[in-house]
C-alpha cells in the first residue's frame, strides 16, 4: 500500500480541516481514548494549527482522501494545561516542540505511515525551531479497564524505537466526553520526550 505523505501549514491546512475533524472523531472513538467527538469542536481545535506560524500537520493521503494525520507545534503555542507540567519541572516551554497526536485509519496501519509521521515532525521541528526536545503525551488507562480490547497492543515499544523515553513525572489533565457518557470527565496523560539536539533529557 502506498500513501502520499504531505505536510500542510498555515492557510494551506484549512481545506483539510473538515476531513481531519472526521478522522479524529473516528480514530479517537476507539481504545484507548474512547472519545465521543463533535465535528464543530474538532474543526475549531484544528484551526489553531493554521493560526500557529510554526505548526504543521503531516497528512497521509490515499488519492485525495485524508486517511491519517499527525500534528505538531511549539509548546509555547499550546494551552496552559499542556505547558504547566514543564514549567513546574523547570523546563522552559520554548525548549520543547509538542507532538499533538497521530491518527490513522485502521486498514492503513502497519505500512510505515506511523514512522513517517515521527520523521516528518522531527524534521519540521528542527527546521522551524531551536527546541532541545520533542514531547507528546498519551492517556493513562488501568490494565483492567472494562473497555480494553483483548487484542489491544501498547505502543510503548514503537515509541521507544522512535527514540522517545517515558517521563511519568510529567503529566497533564485533559477533559473529554467518553463514548456513552453525558458529560466530560478528566483524564490523565503522561509525557514521553526525546532530545532533538543531543542535550540530555531533564
C-alpha atoms as a PDB file:
ATOM      1  CA  UNK A   1       0.000   0.000   0.000  1.00  0.00           C
ATOM      2  CA  UNK A   2       1.406   3.383  -0.999  1.00  0.00           C
ATOM      3  CA  UNK A   3       0.287   6.529   0.770  1.00  0.00           C
ATOM      4  CA  UNK A   4       1.286  10.055  -0.139  1.00  0.00           C
ATOM      5  CA  UNK A   5       2.745  11.925   2.831  1.00  0.00           C
ATOM      6  CA  UNK A   6       2.303  15.694   2.683  1.00  0.00           C
ATOM      7  CA  UNK A   7       2.887  18.451   5.249  1.00  0.00           C
ATOM      8  CA  UNK A   8       0.315  21.251   5.481  1.00  0.00           C
ATOM      9  CA  UNK A   9       0.862  24.582   7.232  1.00  0.00           C
ATOM     10  CA  UNK A  10      -0.991  27.839   7.770  1.00  0.00           C
ATOM     11  CA  UNK A  11      -3.820  28.572   5.377  1.00  0.00           C
ATOM     12  CA  UNK A  12      -2.768  25.526   3.352  1.00  0.00           C
ATOM     13  CA  UNK A  13      -4.210  23.415   6.153  1.00  0.00           C
ATOM     14  CA  UNK A  14      -7.699  24.934   6.051  1.00  0.00           C
ATOM     15  CA  UNK A  15      -9.095  22.889   3.130  1.00  0.00           C
ATOM     16  CA  UNK A  16      -8.302  19.704   5.056  1.00  0.00           C
ATOM     17  CA  UNK A  17      -9.899  20.731   8.362  1.00  0.00           C
ATOM     18  CA  UNK A  18     -13.360  19.118   7.877  1.00  0.00           C
ATOM     19  CA  UNK A  19     -11.798  15.787   6.806  1.00  0.00           C
ATOM     20  CA  UNK A  20      -9.273  15.938   9.638  1.00  0.00           C
ATOM     21  CA  UNK A  21     -12.052  16.556  12.140  1.00  0.00           C
ATOM     22  CA  UNK A  22     -13.945  13.474  10.930  1.00  0.00           C
ATOM     23  CA  UNK A  23     -10.747  11.427  11.026  1.00  0.00           C
ATOM     24  CA  UNK A  24     -10.010  12.410  14.634  1.00  0.00           C
ATOM     25  CA  UNK A  25     -13.554  11.570  15.704  1.00  0.00           C
ATOM     26  CA  UNK A  26     -13.345   8.137  14.045  1.00  0.00           C
ATOM     27  CA  UNK A  27      -9.927   7.121  15.386  1.00  0.00           C
ATOM     28  CA  UNK A  28     -10.228   8.560  18.892  1.00  0.00           C
ATOM     29  CA  UNK A  29     -13.570   6.818  19.401  1.00  0.00           C
ATOM     30  CA  UNK A  30     -11.608   3.571  19.732  1.00  0.00           C
ATOM     31  CA  UNK A  31      -9.427   2.377  22.617  1.00  0.00           C
ATOM     32  CA  UNK A  32      -7.662   3.879  24.489  1.00  0.00           C
ATOM     33  CA  UNK A  33      -9.261   7.345  24.155  1.00  0.00           C
ATOM     34  CA  UNK A  34     -12.931   6.304  23.845  1.00  0.00           C
ATOM     35  CA  UNK A  35     -13.689   9.867  22.776  1.00  0.00           C
ATOM     36  CA  UNK A  36     -17.188  10.993  21.810  1.00  0.00           C
ATOM     37  CA  UNK A  37     -16.212  13.641  19.278  1.00  0.00           C
ATOM     38  CA  UNK A  38     -18.015  16.687  17.963  1.00  0.00           C
ATOM     39  CA  UNK A  39     -17.400  17.973  14.425  1.00  0.00           C
ATOM     40  CA  UNK A  40     -17.726  21.677  15.271  1.00  0.00           C
ATOM     41  CA  UNK A  41     -15.363  21.430  18.238  1.00  0.00           C
ATOM     42  CA  UNK A  42     -12.840  19.443  16.220  1.00  0.00           C
ATOM     43  CA  UNK A  43     -12.800  21.983  13.407  1.00  0.00           C
ATOM     44  CA  UNK A  44     -12.267  24.807  15.902  1.00  0.00           C
ATOM     45  CA  UNK A  45      -9.447  22.864  17.555  1.00  0.00           C
ATOM     46  CA  UNK A  46      -7.722  22.156  14.254  1.00  0.00           C
ATOM     47  CA  UNK A  47      -7.949  25.792  13.187  1.00  0.00           C
ATOM     48  CA  UNK A  48      -5.437  26.616  15.941  1.00  0.00           C
ATOM     49  CA  UNK A  49      -2.795  24.768  13.929  1.00  0.00           C
ATOM     50  CA  UNK A  50      -3.468  27.017  10.956  1.00  0.00           C
ATOM     51  CA  UNK A  51      -3.053  30.053  13.197  1.00  0.00           C
ATOM     52  CA  UNK A  52       0.284  28.961  14.703  1.00  0.00           C
ATOM     53  CA  UNK A  53       3.051  30.144  12.329  1.00  0.00           C
ATOM     54  CA  UNK A  54       5.381  27.218  13.101  1.00  0.00           C
ATOM     55  CA  UNK A  55       2.771  24.475  13.417  1.00  0.00           C
ATOM     56  CA  UNK A  56       2.395  21.677  10.886  1.00  0.00           C
ATOM     57  CA  UNK A  57       0.090  18.767  10.155  1.00  0.00           C
ATOM     58  CA  UNK A  58       1.584  15.784   8.357  1.00  0.00           C
ATOM     59  CA  UNK A  59      -1.095  14.206   6.177  1.00  0.00           C
ATOM     60  CA  UNK A  60      -1.373  10.650   4.899  1.00  0.00           C
ATOM     61  CA  UNK A  61      -3.359  10.622   1.669  1.00  0.00           C
ATOM     62  CA  UNK A  62      -4.871   7.760  -0.307  1.00  0.00           C
ATOM     63  CA  UNK A  63      -5.552   9.596  -3.519  1.00  0.00           C
ATOM     64  CA  UNK A  64      -7.481  12.658  -2.375  1.00  0.00           C
ATOM     65  CA  UNK A  65      -8.722  11.017   0.832  1.00  0.00           C
ATOM     66  CA  UNK A  66      -7.153  12.000   4.152  1.00  0.00           C
ATOM     67  CA  UNK A  67      -6.651   8.682   5.944  1.00  0.00           C
ATOM     68  CA  UNK A  68      -4.108   9.765   8.560  1.00  0.00           C
ATOM     69  CA  UNK A  69      -2.616  12.853  10.149  1.00  0.00           C
ATOM     70  CA  UNK A  70      -0.034  13.867  12.705  1.00  0.00           C
ATOM     71  CA  UNK A  71       0.220  17.295  14.349  1.00  0.00           C
ATOM     72  CA  UNK A  72       2.998  19.363  15.881  1.00  0.00           C
ATOM     73  CA  UNK A  73       3.608  22.901  17.089  1.00  0.00           C
ATOM     74  CA  UNK A  74       5.854  24.761  19.532  1.00  0.00           C
ATOM     75  CA  UNK A  75       4.828  24.063  23.109  1.00  0.00           C
ATOM     76  CA  UNK A  76       4.611  27.834  23.610  1.00  0.00           C
ATOM     77  CA  UNK A  77       1.573  27.789  21.267  1.00  0.00           C
ATOM     78  CA  UNK A  78      -0.189  25.057  23.236  1.00  0.00           C
ATOM     79  CA  UNK A  79      -2.759  25.517  26.002  1.00  0.00           C
ATOM     80  CA  UNK A  80      -1.742  26.270  29.583  1.00  0.00           C
ATOM     81  CA  UNK A  81      -2.634  22.797  30.874  1.00  0.00           C
ATOM     82  CA  UNK A  82      -0.122  21.231  28.457  1.00  0.00           C
ATOM     83  CA  UNK A  83       2.599  23.774  29.215  1.00  0.00           C
ATOM     84  CA  UNK A  84       2.129  23.694  33.004  1.00  0.00           C
ATOM     85  CA  UNK A  85       3.904  20.361  33.778  1.00  0.00           C
ATOM     86  CA  UNK A  86       7.044  21.581  32.023  1.00  0.00           C
ATOM     87  CA  UNK A  87       7.052  24.925  33.783  1.00  0.00           C
ATOM     88  CA  UNK A  88       6.578  23.170  37.124  1.00  0.00           C
ATOM     89  CA  UNK A  89       9.539  20.884  36.326  1.00  0.00           C
ATOM     90  CA  UNK A  90      11.733  23.856  35.441  1.00  0.00           C
ATOM     91  CA  UNK A  91      11.701  23.161  31.697  1.00  0.00           C
ATOM     92  CA  UNK A  92      11.105  26.328  29.678  1.00  0.00           C
ATOM     93  CA  UNK A  93       8.284  25.704  27.158  1.00  0.00           C
ATOM     94  CA  UNK A  94      10.319  27.397  24.424  1.00  0.00           C
ATOM     95  CA  UNK A  95      12.746  24.447  24.591  1.00  0.00           C
ATOM     96  CA  UNK A  96      10.023  21.950  23.639  1.00  0.00           C
ATOM     97  CA  UNK A  97       8.258  21.136  20.369  1.00  0.00           C
ATOM     98  CA  UNK A  98       4.958  19.424  21.094  1.00  0.00           C
ATOM     99  CA  UNK A  99       3.729  16.492  19.011  1.00  0.00           C
ATOM    100  CA  UNK A 100      -0.036  16.625  19.412  1.00  0.00           C
ATOM    101  CA  UNK A 101      -1.416  13.370  18.038  1.00  0.00           C
ATOM    102  CA  UNK A 102      -1.159  10.796  15.291  1.00  0.00           C
ATOM    103  CA  UNK A 103      -4.321   9.274  13.859  1.00  0.00           C
ATOM    104  CA  UNK A 104      -4.551   6.686  11.095  1.00  0.00           C
ATOM    105  CA  UNK A 105      -7.488   4.619   9.896  1.00  0.00           C
ATOM    106  CA  UNK A 106      -7.115   1.005  10.964  1.00  0.00           C
ATOM    107  CA  UNK A 107      -6.848  -0.519   7.490  1.00  0.00           C
ATOM    108  CA  UNK A 108      -3.806   1.647   6.691  1.00  0.00           C
ATOM    109  CA  UNK A 109      -1.794   0.716   9.763  1.00  0.00           C
ATOM    110  CA  UNK A 110       1.388  -1.321   9.547  1.00  0.00           C
ATOM    111  CA  UNK A 111       2.508   0.178   6.224  1.00  0.00           C
ATOM    112  CA  UNK A 112       5.007   2.688   7.619  1.00  0.00           C
ATOM    113  CA  UNK A 113       2.883   5.815   7.972  1.00  0.00           C
ATOM    114  CA  UNK A 114       3.431   5.972  11.732  1.00  0.00           C
ATOM    115  CA  UNK A 115       7.212   6.016  11.298  1.00  0.00           C
ATOM    116  CA  UNK A 116       6.940   8.731   8.654  1.00  0.00           C
ATOM    117  CA  UNK A 117       4.760  10.809  10.969  1.00  0.00           C
ATOM    118  CA  UNK A 118       7.547  10.941  13.558  1.00  0.00           C
ATOM    119  CA  UNK A 119      10.273  11.518  10.974  1.00  0.00           C
ATOM    120  CA  UNK A 120       8.437  14.382   9.302  1.00  0.00           C
ATOM    121  CA  UNK A 121       7.510  16.077  12.575  1.00  0.00           C
ATOM    122  CA  UNK A 122      11.067  15.888  13.878  1.00  0.00           C
ATOM    123  CA  UNK A 123      12.397  17.313  10.618  1.00  0.00           C
ATOM    124  CA  UNK A 124       9.852  20.113  10.802  1.00  0.00           C
ATOM    125  CA  UNK A 125      10.681  20.903  14.442  1.00  0.00           C
ATOM    126  CA  UNK A 126      14.378  21.181  13.602  1.00  0.00           C
ATOM    127  CA  UNK A 127      13.669  23.343  10.559  1.00  0.00           C
ATOM    128  CA  UNK A 128      11.480  25.933  12.275  1.00  0.00           C
ATOM    129  CA  UNK A 129      12.860  25.998  15.829  1.00  0.00           C
ATOM    130  CA  UNK A 130      15.897  25.584  18.044  1.00  0.00           C
ATOM    131  CA  UNK A 131      13.970  23.419  20.514  1.00  0.00           C
ATOM    132  CA  UNK A 132      16.022  20.944  22.524  1.00  0.00           C
ATOM    133  CA  UNK A 133      13.218  18.438  22.982  1.00  0.00           C
ATOM    134  CA  UNK A 134      10.221  16.861  21.299  1.00  0.00           C
ATOM    135  CA  UNK A 135       7.409  15.688  23.554  1.00  0.00           C
ATOM    136  CA  UNK A 136       3.999  14.086  23.311  1.00  0.00           C
ATOM    137  CA  UNK A 137       1.536  12.705  25.836  1.00  0.00           C
ATOM    138  CA  UNK A 138      -0.606   9.567  25.955  1.00  0.00           C
ATOM    139  CA  UNK A 139      -3.671   8.747  28.015  1.00  0.00           C
ATOM    140  CA  UNK A 140      -3.184   6.501  31.042  1.00  0.00           C
ATOM    141  CA  UNK A 141      -5.643   3.614  31.395  1.00  0.00           C
ATOM    142  CA  UNK A 142      -5.745   0.832  34.013  1.00  0.00           C
ATOM    143  CA  UNK A 143      -4.798  -2.592  32.714  1.00  0.00           C
ATOM    144  CA  UNK A 144      -8.172  -3.977  33.800  1.00  0.00           C
ATOM    145  CA  UNK A 145     -10.284  -1.251  32.179  1.00  0.00           C
ATOM    146  CA  UNK A 146     -13.615  -2.872  31.196  1.00  0.00           C
ATOM    147  CA  UNK A 147     -13.497  -1.449  27.662  1.00  0.00           C
ATOM    148  CA  UNK A 148      -9.952  -2.561  26.884  1.00  0.00           C
ATOM    149  CA  UNK A 149      -9.989  -4.925  23.858  1.00  0.00           C
ATOM    150  CA  UNK A 150      -8.396  -8.334  24.326  1.00  0.00           C
ATOM    151  CA  UNK A 151      -6.105  -7.722  21.366  1.00  0.00           C
ATOM    152  CA  UNK A 152      -5.001  -4.237  22.466  1.00  0.00           C
ATOM    153  CA  UNK A 153      -1.271  -3.721  21.845  1.00  0.00           C
ATOM    154  CA  UNK A 154       0.530  -0.927  23.741  1.00  0.00           C
ATOM    155  CA  UNK A 155       2.549   1.484  21.617  1.00  0.00           C
ATOM    156  CA  UNK A 156       5.392   1.824  24.116  1.00  0.00           C
ATOM    157  CA  UNK A 157       7.769  -0.285  22.033  1.00  0.00           C
ATOM    158  CA  UNK A 158       7.035   1.686  18.884  1.00  0.00           C
ATOM    159  CA  UNK A 159       7.634   4.994  20.683  1.00  0.00           C
ATOM    160  CA  UNK A 160      10.899   3.743  22.187  1.00  0.00           C
ATOM    161  CA  UNK A 161      12.111   2.750  18.717  1.00  0.00           C
ATOM    162  CA  UNK A 162      11.497   6.348  17.648  1.00  0.00           C
ATOM    163  CA  UNK A 163      13.880   7.421  20.434  1.00  0.00           C
ATOM    164  CA  UNK A 164      11.324   8.604  22.985  1.00  0.00           C
ATOM    165  CA  UNK A 165      11.560   7.973  26.715  1.00  0.00           C
ATOM    166  CA  UNK A 166       8.636   7.962  29.163  1.00  0.00           C
ATOM    167  CA  UNK A 167       8.743  10.801  31.675  1.00  0.00           C
ATOM    168  CA  UNK A 168       5.949   9.840  34.079  1.00  0.00           C
ATOM    169  CA  UNK A 169       6.872  12.717  36.374  1.00  0.00           C
ATOM    170  CA  UNK A 170       5.377  14.956  33.683  1.00  0.00           C
ATOM    171  CA  UNK A 171       1.652  14.621  33.125  1.00  0.00           C
ATOM    172  CA  UNK A 172      -1.355  16.766  32.355  1.00  0.00           C
ATOM    173  CA  UNK A 173      -5.130  16.574  32.625  1.00  0.00           C
ATOM    174  CA  UNK A 174      -7.480  16.836  29.653  1.00  0.00           C
ATOM    175  CA  UNK A 175     -11.255  16.670  29.804  1.00  0.00           C
ATOM    176  CA  UNK A 176     -13.411  14.931  27.218  1.00  0.00           C
ATOM    177  CA  UNK A 177     -16.708  13.071  26.959  1.00  0.00           C
ATOM    178  CA  UNK A 178     -16.296   9.335  26.604  1.00  0.00           C
ATOM    179  CA  UNK A 179     -18.467   7.184  24.376  1.00  0.00           C
ATOM    180  CA  UNK A 180     -21.850   6.729  26.058  1.00  0.00           C
ATOM    181  CA  UNK A 181     -21.230   9.443  28.678  1.00  0.00           C
ATOM    182  CA  UNK A 182     -23.371  12.523  29.184  1.00  0.00           C
ATOM    183  CA  UNK A 183     -20.640  14.898  30.335  1.00  0.00           C
ATOM    184  CA  UNK A 184     -16.884  15.426  30.169  1.00  0.00           C
ATOM    185  CA  UNK A 185     -14.573  13.788  32.703  1.00  0.00           C
ATOM    186  CA  UNK A 186     -10.873  14.417  33.450  1.00  0.00           C
ATOM    187  CA  UNK A 187      -8.202  12.098  32.035  1.00  0.00           C
ATOM    188  CA  UNK A 188      -4.531  11.966  32.928  1.00  0.00           C
ATOM    189  CA  UNK A 189      -1.968  11.845  30.135  1.00  0.00           C
ATOM    190  CA  UNK A 190       1.741  11.133  30.712  1.00  0.00           C
ATOM    191  CA  UNK A 191       4.512  12.620  28.583  1.00  0.00           C
ATOM    192  CA  UNK A 192       7.239  10.993  26.524  1.00  0.00           C
ATOM    193  CA  UNK A 193      10.296  13.014  25.467  1.00  0.00           C
ATOM    194  CA  UNK A 194      13.213  12.886  23.030  1.00  0.00           C
ATOM    195  CA  UNK A 195      16.272  15.087  22.697  1.00  0.00           C
ATOM    196  CA  UNK A 196      16.480  16.838  19.332  1.00  0.00           C
ATOM    197  CA  UNK A 197      19.859  18.460  19.907  1.00  0.00           C
ATOM    198  CA  UNK A 198      21.782  15.942  21.995  1.00  0.00           C
ATOM    199  CA  UNK A 199      21.024  17.789  25.206  1.00  0.00           C
ATOM    200  CA  UNK A 200      20.282  15.232  27.960  1.00  0.00           C
ATOM    201  CA  UNK A 201      16.677  14.826  28.965  1.00  0.00           C
ATOM    202  CA  UNK A 202      15.741  16.595  32.211  1.00  0.00           C
END
